[in-house]
Amino acid sequence: MQLIDRRRDRFEMFDRMDSPALNLTFNLDLPDFRPWCQEQGLAPFHVLLCAVLRATLAVENFRYRILDGEILRIDRLMPSFTVINQHNDLNFAQFEWSDDLREFVARGLAARAEASAMAELNPIYRTMTPREARDQVFITCIPWLDFTSIQHPTAALGSPDIPSIAWGKFRDAPNGRLQLPFSVQAHHGFVDGFHIHQLAQRIATELGEFMQA
């Protein structure tokens, strides 16, 4: 793990802190992919979800986790995201990855329908092992709000190793663009502000590649 060997002193500095979390909320500027989604019959949320998760794998710094005091590098992601059920209570949807965008979206829609029909917390989340949990990025969408900040929960204040990402209400921008509030939380031992900038750029690139395919 060459990256971690290079950043070992930064990791150790931040990991000793009560909270090593880096939190940034910003306006994410993207190509307006919604008309393309409508033409293709694809749900915009799930297309953006795919772009975001692909981007987190593409930016190396977002691949690192901590388990039992040891650093590990993930090579896969289990897509997951929050939904609301019939009582407007939060639940979690999860599904198997697919490299094919249409299959990814179809699996995401099926997972959303299943999780939103549950009154109880999705049993998948109650039975995941700590190692299995590391193959996630925590994703939530708050489409009703143009928020300016968010506090992501963490299981332990000193262990924000699984990145948390949230986005909010889409708004039109000039020249065929759209903007949305976007929040990233990650362990500062792995991720700096520059890497979040790289993530934002990569998300836009992924969406552009979808539309050009």
Protein backbone atom coordinates (compact mmCIF):
# COMPACT_ATOMS: atom_id res chain seq x y z
CA MET A 1 0.00 0.00 0.00
CA GLN A 2 2.35 2.65 -1.30
CA LEU A 3 -0.05 5.53 -0.65
CA ILE A 4 -0.38 4.66 3.03
CA ASP A 5 3.36 4.20 3.42
CA ARG A 6 3.81 7.71 2.01
CA ARG A 7 1.09 9.21 4.24
CA ARG A 8 1.91 7.24 7.39
CA ASP A 9 2.97 10.31 9.37
CA ARG A 10 -0.20 12.20 8.36
CA PHE A 11 -2.36 9.20 9.18
CA GLU A 12 -0.82 8.78 12.61
CA MET A 13 -1.19 12.50 13.37
CA PHE A 14 -4.89 12.64 12.51
CA ASP A 15 -5.73 9.19 13.88
CA ARG A 16 -4.54 10.24 17.36
CA MET A 17 -7.14 13.03 17.43
CA ASP A 18 -10.52 12.63 19.14
CA SER A 19 -12.13 13.10 15.74
CA PRO A 20 -9.97 12.60 12.63
CA ALA A 21 -12.93 13.32 10.34
CA LEU A 22 -12.63 15.80 7.49
CA ASN A 23 -16.01 17.29 6.55
CA LEU A 24 -16.67 19.47 3.51
CA THR A 25 -19.96 20.69 2.08
CA PHE A 26 -19.87 22.52 -1.24
CA ASN A 27 -21.81 23.23 -4.43
CA LEU A 28 -21.12 20.38 -6.84
CA ASP A 29 -21.23 21.53 -10.45
CA LEU A 30 -22.18 18.84 -12.97
CA PRO A 31 -23.34 18.49 -16.55
CA ASP A 32 -27.13 18.41 -16.51
CA PHE A 33 -27.63 14.69 -17.07
CA ARG A 34 -31.37 14.73 -16.32
CA PRO A 35 -32.57 15.14 -19.96
CA TRP A 36 -30.30 12.26 -20.99
CA CYS A 37 -31.72 10.12 -18.17
CA GLN A 38 -35.24 10.90 -19.35
CA GLU A 39 -34.36 9.91 -22.92
CA GLN A 40 -32.78 6.67 -21.69
CA GLY A 41 -35.51 5.83 -19.18
CA LEU A 42 -33.03 5.88 -16.29
CA ALA A 43 -33.60 7.25 -12.80
CA PRO A 44 -31.33 10.29 -12.20
CA PHE A 45 -30.64 9.42 -8.56
CA HIS A 46 -29.36 5.97 -9.44
CA VAL A 47 -27.27 7.26 -12.35
CA LEU A 48 -25.66 9.79 -10.01
CA LEU A 49 -25.20 7.08 -7.38
CA CYS A 50 -23.32 4.98 -9.91
CA ALA A 51 -21.13 7.93 -10.91
CA VAL A 52 -20.35 8.76 -7.27
CA LEU A 53 -19.41 5.20 -6.35
CA ARG A 54 -17.30 4.76 -9.49
CA ALA A 55 -15.53 7.98 -8.59
CA THR A 56 -14.77 6.85 -5.04
CA LEU A 57 -13.08 3.76 -6.45
CA ALA A 58 -11.18 5.85 -9.00
CA VAL A 59 -9.72 8.24 -6.40
CA GLU A 60 -7.30 5.99 -4.54
CA ASN A 61 -7.51 7.83 -1.21
CA PHE A 62 -11.16 6.82 -0.78
CA ARG A 63 -10.33 3.09 -0.88
CA TYR A 64 -8.74 2.86 2.59
CA ARG A 65 -10.41 1.65 5.77
CA ILE A 66 -9.43 0.68 9.32
CA LEU A 67 -10.38 -2.64 10.90
CA ASP A 68 -9.13 -3.83 14.28
CA GLY A 69 -6.44 -1.18 14.23
CA GLU A 70 -5.10 -2.23 10.84
CA ILE A 71 -5.36 -0.34 7.53
CA LEU A 72 -6.89 -2.19 4.61
CA ARG A 73 -7.55 -1.28 1.01
CA ILE A 74 -10.89 -2.25 -0.52
CA ASP A 75 -11.15 -3.43 -4.11
CA ARG A 76 -14.95 -3.55 -4.41
CA LEU A 77 -18.00 -1.62 -3.25
CA MET A 78 -21.37 -2.83 -2.07
CA PRO A 79 -23.77 -0.07 -3.21
CA SER A 80 -26.05 1.17 -0.46
CA PHE A 81 -28.13 4.25 0.21
CA THR A 82 -30.87 5.59 2.47
CA VAL A 83 -34.57 5.43 1.65
CA ILE A 84 -37.75 6.32 3.52
CA ASN A 85 -40.54 3.83 4.17
CA GLN A 86 -44.30 4.25 4.27
CA HIS A 87 -44.02 5.86 7.71
CA ASN A 88 -41.35 8.30 6.50
CA ASP A 89 -38.77 6.48 8.63
CA LEU A 90 -35.24 5.96 7.37
CA ASN A 91 -34.11 2.59 6.07
CA PHE A 92 -31.13 1.31 4.11
CA ALA A 93 -31.09 -0.26 0.65
CA GLN A 94 -28.24 -2.46 -0.52
CA PHE A 95 -27.53 -4.42 -3.69
CA GLU A 96 -24.77 -6.18 -5.58
CA TRP A 97 -22.53 -4.10 -7.84
CA SER A 98 -22.81 -4.22 -11.63
CA ASP A 99 -20.43 -2.56 -14.08
CA ASP A 100 -23.30 -2.17 -16.52
CA LEU A 101 -25.11 1.12 -15.85
CA ARG A 102 -28.57 -0.15 -16.78
CA GLU A 103 -28.20 -3.22 -14.60
CA PHE A 104 -26.83 -1.08 -11.78
CA VAL A 105 -29.88 1.18 -11.97
CA ALA A 106 -32.29 -1.77 -12.15
CA ARG A 107 -30.73 -3.38 -9.08
CA GLY A 108 -30.83 -0.07 -7.23
CA LEU A 109 -34.51 0.44 -7.99
CA ALA A 110 -35.32 -3.08 -6.80
CA ALA A 111 -33.35 -2.54 -3.60
CA ARG A 112 -35.13 0.76 -2.98
CA ALA A 113 -38.55 -0.85 -3.41
CA GLU A 114 -37.63 -3.68 -1.05
CA ALA A 115 -36.16 -1.49 1.68
CA SER A 116 -38.90 1.14 1.53
CA ALA A 117 -41.55 -1.57 2.02
CA MET A 118 -40.00 -2.60 5.35
CA ALA A 119 -41.23 -1.20 8.65
CA GLU A 120 -38.17 -2.57 10.47
CA LEU A 121 -34.53 -1.80 9.79
CA ASN A 122 -33.27 -3.77 6.81
CA PRO A 123 -31.97 -7.07 8.28
CA ILE A 124 -28.97 -6.97 5.92
CA TYR A 125 -27.59 -4.11 8.01
CA ARG A 126 -28.16 -5.94 11.28
CA THR A 127 -26.17 -8.96 10.11
CA MET A 128 -23.22 -7.37 8.30
CA THR A 129 -19.81 -8.15 9.77
CA PRO A 130 -17.42 -5.27 10.48
CA ARG A 131 -15.34 -6.39 7.49
CA GLU A 132 -18.36 -6.47 5.18
CA ALA A 133 -19.32 -2.98 6.33
CA ARG A 134 -15.97 -1.66 5.07
CA ASP A 135 -17.00 -2.40 1.48
CA GLN A 136 -19.44 0.52 1.60
CA VAL A 137 -19.57 4.24 1.20
CA PHE A 138 -22.43 5.66 3.28
CA ILE A 139 -24.75 7.47 0.87
CA THR A 140 -27.74 9.64 1.68
CA CYS A 141 -29.80 11.99 -0.47
CA ILE A 142 -31.92 14.84 0.92
CA PRO A 143 -33.64 15.99 -2.29
CA TRP A 144 -36.01 18.39 -0.56
CA LEU A 145 -33.31 20.66 0.88
CA ASP A 146 -30.67 23.00 -0.51
CA PHE A 147 -28.56 22.43 2.61
CA THR A 148 -25.30 24.19 3.46
CA SER A 149 -23.90 21.75 6.03
CA ILE A 150 -24.54 18.31 7.49
CA GLN A 151 -23.17 16.32 10.42
CA HIS A 152 -22.70 12.69 9.44
CA PRO A 153 -23.06 10.11 12.21
CA THR A 154 -20.15 7.81 13.01
CA ALA A 155 -20.18 4.62 15.06
CA ALA A 156 -17.27 5.98 17.10
CA LEU A 157 -16.00 9.55 17.12
CA GLY A 158 -12.45 8.42 16.37
CA SER A 159 -13.36 6.02 13.55
CA PRO A 160 -14.73 7.84 10.49
CA ASP A 161 -12.92 5.47 8.13
CA ILE A 162 -15.96 4.60 5.99
CA PRO A 163 -16.62 7.72 3.85
CA SER A 164 -20.03 9.37 4.16
CA ILE A 165 -21.48 11.28 1.20
CA ALA A 166 -24.71 13.25 0.99
CA TRP A 167 -26.33 15.43 -1.63
CA GLY A 168 -29.41 17.58 -1.75
CA LYS A 169 -31.77 19.44 -4.05
CA PHE A 170 -30.83 19.85 -7.72
CA ARG A 171 -30.91 23.37 -9.09
CA ASP A 172 -30.53 24.59 -12.66
CA ALA A 173 -27.30 26.35 -13.60
CA PRO A 174 -26.30 28.19 -16.79
CA ASN A 175 -24.89 26.55 -19.91
CA GLY A 176 -26.45 23.14 -19.55
CA ARG A 177 -25.17 22.57 -16.03
CA LEU A 178 -26.77 21.75 -12.72
CA GLN A 179 -25.64 22.31 -9.15
CA LEU A 180 -26.43 20.58 -5.90
CA PRO A 181 -25.22 20.72 -2.30
CA PHE A 182 -22.73 17.92 -1.78
CA SER A 183 -21.10 16.77 1.44
CA VAL A 184 -18.16 14.45 2.00
CA GLN A 185 -16.88 13.09 5.29
CA ALA A 186 -13.73 10.96 5.35
CA HIS A 187 -10.78 10.09 7.56
CA HIS A 188 -8.27 12.94 7.23
CA GLY A 189 -5.45 10.44 7.52
CA PHE A 190 -6.46 9.17 4.09
CA VAL A 191 -8.26 12.08 2.44
CA ASP A 192 -7.42 15.79 2.13
CA GLY A 193 -9.45 18.60 0.60
CA PHE A 194 -7.61 18.13 -2.69
CA HIS A 195 -8.83 14.53 -2.94
CA ILE A 196 -12.40 15.70 -2.43
CA HIS A 197 -11.80 18.11 -5.31
CA GLN A 198 -10.58 15.14 -7.36
CA LEU A 199 -13.70 13.21 -6.39
CA ALA A 200 -15.95 16.05 -7.58
CA GLN A 201 -14.12 16.23 -10.90
CA ARG A 202 -14.30 12.47 -11.35
CA ILE A 203 -18.06 12.40 -10.72
CA ALA A 204 -18.56 14.93 -13.52
CA THR A 205 -16.29 12.87 -15.78
CA GLU A 206 -18.21 9.68 -15.06
CA LEU A 207 -21.53 11.36 -15.94
CA GLY A 208 -20.05 12.74 -19.15
CA GLU A 209 -18.84 9.28 -20.13
CA PHE A 210 -22.28 7.80 -19.47
CA MET A 211 -23.86 10.33 -21.81
CA GLN A 212 -21.29 9.77 -24.55
CA ALA A 213 -21.47 5.98 -24.51
